Amino acid sequence: MSKVVVKVLESQFVNYDVKRFVVEKPEGFDFIPGQAVNISVNEPDWKTEKRPFTFTNQKDAKNLEFIIKIYNDHNGVTNKLAGINAGDELILHDVFGAIHYEKPGVFIAAGTGITPFLAIFRDLYKKNKLRGNKLIFVNKTSLDVIAGQELQRMFKQDFRPIFTREGVVGFQGRRIDRNFLIENIVDFSQHFYVCGPTEFVEKVVKNLKDLGADADSLIFEE
């Protein structure tokens, strides 16, 4: 797809450092739930500063949605996006990504790694096909959770929030290491979907393979 300019329709923070954007959906625009697109701000100094962000809307939604973590510690694209509001313009570039849904399994996400999964979950939930999937969602604290209530509503007992830096009653405070996987996953022959920081993904994928998961059943961004 050649680059296309879209107008921002909605822009608001959903927690202290994560912002939700709704933008126009160009005619004929298409993507596979789980994919991302390179985005830049349509201003002279920012047009060529592209960064990848995943779609979080349903495939057939009228508009496009992105949920983006804002980093205020340096003058980068997300810091610029913190000041972008309805009426401003973004540029959509190439669509890409290896994350996609194949069959029921276990989704393991850390932080904003949940974003490519949101489009998948919303699509499956609408089609009443989410049953049989489980979600393990890792965050530092409860304040970092994105779309927590929605995920709880969709997954019910199959949603497992994990907090690494906060002891919350009713939730586990630990990391997703080899022991955790052994204790919480019975069947390693099923599909696994993993997304998060590079180091997190590498460690989880390695542990899953060591525990018997087939490489062909592991879906993640390499």
Protein backbone atom coordinates (compact mmCIF):
# COMPACT_ATOMS: atom_id res chain seq x y z
CA MET A 1 0.00 0.00 0.00
CA SER A 2 1.29 3.45 -0.86
CA LYS A 3 1.23 5.92 1.99
CA VAL A 4 -2.08 7.57 2.79
CA VAL A 5 -2.97 10.54 5.01
CA VAL A 6 -5.76 9.99 7.55
CA LYS A 7 -7.44 12.34 9.99
CA VAL A 8 -7.51 11.61 13.72
CA LEU A 9 -11.13 11.30 14.89
CA GLU A 10 -10.56 10.51 18.57
CA SER A 11 -7.56 10.81 20.88
CA GLN A 12 -7.49 10.15 24.62
CA PHE A 13 -5.34 8.56 27.30
CA VAL A 14 -6.61 5.21 28.59
CA ASN A 15 -4.12 5.11 31.46
CA TYR A 16 -1.18 7.19 32.65
CA ASP A 17 1.11 6.41 29.68
CA VAL A 18 -1.07 4.77 27.03
CA LYS A 19 -3.13 6.66 24.47
CA ARG A 20 -5.94 5.47 22.20
CA PHE A 21 -6.35 6.86 18.68
CA VAL A 22 -9.26 6.38 16.29
CA VAL A 23 -8.48 7.45 12.71
CA GLU A 24 -10.21 7.38 9.35
CA LYS A 25 -10.17 4.07 7.49
CA PRO A 26 -9.20 4.61 3.83
CA GLU A 27 -11.51 3.05 1.26
CA GLY A 28 -10.44 -0.50 0.44
CA PHE A 29 -7.97 -0.59 3.33
CA ASP A 30 -7.38 -4.10 4.64
CA PHE A 31 -5.28 -5.95 7.22
CA ILE A 32 -5.13 -9.28 9.02
CA PRO A 33 -5.93 -9.08 12.76
CA GLY A 34 -2.55 -9.11 14.50
CA GLN A 35 -0.77 -7.05 11.85
CA ALA A 36 0.80 -3.61 12.23
CA VAL A 37 1.34 -0.54 10.08
CA ASN A 38 4.13 2.02 10.03
CA ILE A 39 2.78 5.41 11.08
CA SER A 40 4.21 8.92 10.97
CA VAL A 41 2.79 12.32 11.92
CA ASN A 42 1.77 14.48 8.97
CA GLU A 43 3.94 17.45 9.88
CA PRO A 44 7.09 18.62 8.00
CA ASP A 45 9.58 17.51 10.65
CA TRP A 46 7.86 14.19 11.35
CA LYS A 47 6.66 12.79 8.00
CA THR A 48 9.63 10.45 7.59
CA GLU A 49 9.78 9.35 11.24
CA LYS A 50 7.89 6.05 10.91
CA ARG A 51 7.11 3.71 13.79
CA PRO A 52 5.16 0.42 13.81
CA PHE A 53 1.85 0.21 15.67
CA THR A 54 -0.67 -2.62 15.63
CA PHE A 55 -4.34 -2.36 14.72
CA THR A 56 -6.63 -2.98 17.69
CA ASN A 57 -9.99 -2.58 15.93
CA GLN A 58 -12.07 -5.37 14.44
CA LYS A 59 -11.28 -6.09 10.82
CA ASP A 60 -14.67 -4.85 9.58
CA ALA A 61 -14.82 -1.74 11.79
CA LYS A 62 -15.73 1.57 10.20
CA ASN A 63 -12.55 3.25 11.48
CA LEU A 64 -9.06 2.19 12.54
CA GLU A 65 -7.92 2.12 16.16
CA PHE A 66 -4.44 2.14 17.70
CA ILE A 67 -3.48 1.87 21.36
CA ILE A 68 0.00 3.32 21.84
CA LYS A 69 2.37 3.52 24.80
CA ILE A 70 3.77 7.03 25.21
CA TYR A 71 7.43 7.45 26.10
CA ASN A 72 8.02 10.92 27.52
CA ASP A 73 11.68 10.40 28.39
CA HIS A 74 12.91 11.31 24.90
CA ASN A 75 11.78 13.45 21.98
CA GLY A 76 10.54 10.58 19.82
CA VAL A 77 7.44 9.71 17.83
CA THR A 78 5.32 8.55 20.76
CA ASN A 79 6.17 11.69 22.69
CA LYS A 80 4.95 13.63 19.66
CA LEU A 81 1.80 11.51 19.52
CA ALA A 82 1.03 12.50 23.11
CA GLY A 83 0.13 15.94 21.75
CA ILE A 84 -1.81 14.73 18.71
CA ASN A 85 -5.55 15.31 18.98
CA ALA A 86 -8.75 14.97 16.95
CA GLY A 87 -8.40 16.90 13.70
CA ASP A 88 -4.66 16.29 13.35
CA GLU A 89 -3.33 14.01 10.61
CA LEU A 90 -1.24 10.84 10.54
CA ILE A 91 0.31 9.00 7.61
CA LEU A 92 -0.21 5.25 7.20
CA HIS A 93 2.60 3.48 5.35
CA ASP A 94 3.16 -0.26 4.79
CA VAL A 95 1.14 -2.97 6.57
CA PHE A 96 3.11 -5.96 7.85
CA GLY A 97 3.41 -8.54 10.62
CA ALA A 98 3.67 -12.26 11.28
CA ILE A 99 1.18 -12.48 14.14
CA HIS A 100 -2.11 -14.03 13.05
CA TYR A 101 -4.66 -16.49 14.38
CA GLU A 102 -4.58 -20.13 13.34
CA LYS A 103 -6.38 -22.20 15.97
CA PRO A 104 -7.24 -22.14 19.71
CA GLY A 105 -4.30 -21.98 22.08
CA VAL A 106 -2.59 -19.92 24.76
CA PHE A 107 -1.86 -16.23 24.25
CA ILE A 108 1.02 -14.85 26.32
CA ALA A 109 1.43 -11.07 26.27
CA ALA A 110 3.53 -8.54 28.17
CA GLY A 111 2.58 -4.87 28.41
CA THR A 112 1.67 -3.31 25.07
CA GLY A 113 2.33 -6.72 23.53
CA ILE A 114 -1.40 -7.20 24.09
CA THR A 115 -2.23 -4.78 21.24
CA PRO A 116 -1.90 -7.15 18.24
CA PHE A 117 -3.96 -9.68 20.15
CA LEU A 118 -6.82 -7.23 20.79
CA ALA A 119 -7.84 -7.19 17.12
CA ILE A 120 -7.76 -11.02 17.11
CA PHE A 121 -9.77 -11.31 20.34
CA ARG A 122 -12.39 -8.79 19.27
CA ASP A 123 -12.81 -10.52 15.93
CA LEU A 124 -13.15 -13.98 17.50
CA TYR A 125 -15.46 -12.72 20.26
CA LYS A 126 -17.80 -11.12 17.75
CA LYS A 127 -17.94 -14.43 15.84
CA ASN A 128 -18.43 -16.39 19.09
CA LYS A 129 -15.18 -18.29 18.41
CA LEU A 130 -13.02 -17.15 21.34
CA ARG A 131 -13.85 -20.15 23.53
CA GLY A 132 -10.95 -22.59 23.84
CA ASN A 133 -8.34 -19.85 24.01
CA LYS A 134 -6.56 -18.72 27.16
CA LEU A 135 -4.75 -15.45 27.92
CA ILE A 136 -1.79 -14.87 30.23
CA PHE A 137 -1.20 -11.11 30.45
CA VAL A 138 1.91 -9.80 32.22
CA ASN A 139 2.27 -6.23 33.50
CA LYS A 140 4.38 -4.47 36.10
CA THR A 141 1.33 -3.27 38.08
CA SER A 142 -2.45 -3.19 37.77
CA LEU A 143 -2.18 0.43 36.59
CA ASP A 144 -0.37 -0.76 33.44
CA VAL A 145 -3.12 -3.11 32.25
CA ILE A 146 -4.65 -2.22 28.89
CA ALA A 147 -8.32 -3.12 28.28
CA GLY A 148 -8.42 -5.21 31.46
CA GLN A 149 -12.19 -5.13 31.97
CA GLU A 150 -12.85 -6.00 28.34
CA LEU A 151 -10.41 -8.90 28.45
CA GLN A 152 -11.99 -10.21 31.66
CA ARG A 153 -15.45 -10.01 30.07
CA MET A 154 -14.33 -11.86 26.94
CA PHE A 155 -12.17 -14.56 28.56
CA LYS A 156 -13.80 -14.92 31.99
CA GLN A 157 -11.98 -17.72 33.87
CA ASP A 158 -9.51 -18.13 31.00
CA PHE A 159 -7.92 -14.73 31.68
CA ARG A 160 -4.81 -14.80 33.91
CA PRO A 161 -3.39 -11.37 34.85
CA ILE A 162 0.17 -11.47 36.20
CA PHE A 163 1.85 -8.55 37.99
CA THR A 164 5.61 -8.56 38.40
CA ARG A 165 5.97 -5.60 40.75
CA GLU A 166 2.77 -5.50 42.72
CA GLY A 167 1.10 -7.82 45.18
CA VAL A 168 -2.61 -7.70 44.36
CA VAL A 169 -5.04 -9.92 46.25
CA GLY A 170 -6.32 -12.67 43.98
CA PHE A 171 -3.54 -12.29 41.39
CA GLN A 172 -0.13 -13.87 41.03
CA GLY A 173 2.96 -11.72 41.43
CA ARG A 174 5.69 -13.49 39.49
CA ARG A 175 7.41 -13.77 36.13
CA ILE A 176 6.64 -16.06 33.22
CA ASP A 177 9.59 -18.37 33.61
CA ARG A 178 10.00 -22.09 32.91
CA ASN A 179 8.50 -23.10 36.26
CA PHE A 180 5.44 -20.93 35.71
CA LEU A 181 4.81 -22.53 32.31
CA ILE A 182 5.16 -26.04 33.77
CA GLU A 183 2.75 -25.22 36.59
CA ASN A 184 0.12 -23.50 34.44
CA ILE A 185 0.14 -25.27 31.07
CA VAL A 186 -0.79 -28.94 30.75
CA ASP A 187 -0.64 -29.36 26.98
CA PHE A 188 2.46 -28.10 25.16
CA SER A 189 1.30 -29.50 21.83
CA GLN A 190 -1.26 -26.71 21.37
CA HIS A 191 -0.72 -23.36 19.67
CA PHE A 192 1.02 -20.52 21.49
CA TYR A 193 0.89 -16.82 20.59
CA VAL A 194 3.58 -14.63 22.19
CA CYS A 195 4.06 -10.86 22.04
CA GLY A 196 5.93 -8.31 24.14
CA PRO A 197 9.43 -6.88 24.54
CA THR A 198 12.06 -8.74 22.50
CA GLU A 199 13.81 -10.30 25.50
CA PHE A 200 10.48 -11.47 26.95
CA VAL A 201 9.44 -13.10 23.67
CA GLU A 202 12.81 -14.80 23.21
CA LYS A 203 12.78 -16.29 26.71
CA VAL A 204 9.15 -17.45 26.58
CA VAL A 205 9.56 -19.00 23.11
CA LYS A 206 12.76 -20.79 24.17
CA ASN A 207 11.11 -22.19 27.29
CA LEU A 208 8.07 -23.33 25.32
CA LYS A 209 10.29 -25.13 22.81
CA ASP A 210 12.30 -26.74 25.61
CA LEU A 211 9.05 -27.98 27.15
CA GLY A 212 7.94 -29.64 23.93
CA ALA A 213 6.10 -26.99 21.93
CA ASP A 214 6.43 -27.47 18.17
CA ALA A 215 8.11 -24.57 16.35
CA ASP A 216 5.26 -24.56 13.83
CA SER A 217 2.73 -23.98 16.61
CA LEU A 218 4.49 -20.87 17.93
CA ILE A 219 3.20 -17.56 16.53
CA PHE A 220 5.29 -14.50 17.31
CA GLU A 221 7.02 -11.54 15.64
CA GLU A 222 10.60 -12.58 14.86
